[in-house]
Amino acid sequence: ELQNPGAILPGVVGAIFLVLAFMALSALPVNAAGVALLVLGVGFLLAEIKVQSHGVLGVGGAIALAVGGLILFDDSAVRVAVPVVIACTAMTVAFFAVLAWLALRARRTARVNGPEGMLGRRASVLQALSPRGLVRLDGETWNAEATGHIPVGAEVEVTGVEGLTLRVRPVAKEG
């Protein structure tokens, strides 16, 4: 990660293995290594929110939380229950999977701003369109162009946008 910043995976794996190496070499007491992995896991999960890592930080954080929870205590009388660690890890993974699914769904939805978001919207005519005039759409006044004459006060539908001019057509009367 230091040689190729932004790759993310080497940094995640390296940080987890570095803490485990300190534990194996007895440089840290086992419970301190567990706490360090828990803190590292939470840090990775928080970084996943801000950094585009395609889930690498989220998975690394979940793994660090699981391993940290399993090695948190070195005493056989005091241990973290394995089902608790599995449940917490599963809930964390499920939470980030739902977030990823929502993000992908949001990317696939139609745009609701810009010219594409204006198509099909209704506006009212402020200055008669014959064929050019003014319309009001969402409290804004727009230049508009229609194929025929449309009187003041009529309701029109946006069919296209060219620069700052809306292409409109009259709305058919219902009833």
Foldseek 3Di string as FASTA:
>chain_A
DVVDPPQPLCVLVVVLVVLVVCCVVVVDPQLVSLVVLQVQLVVLLVVVVVRPNVCSSLVSSLVSNLVSQQRNDPDPVDHRDNVVSVVVSVVSVVVVVVVVVVVVVVVPDDDCDDFVVQAFAKWFFAQWPQQWGWTADPNDIAIEGEPHTDHGGFMWGFHGDDPRYTYIDGDDDDD
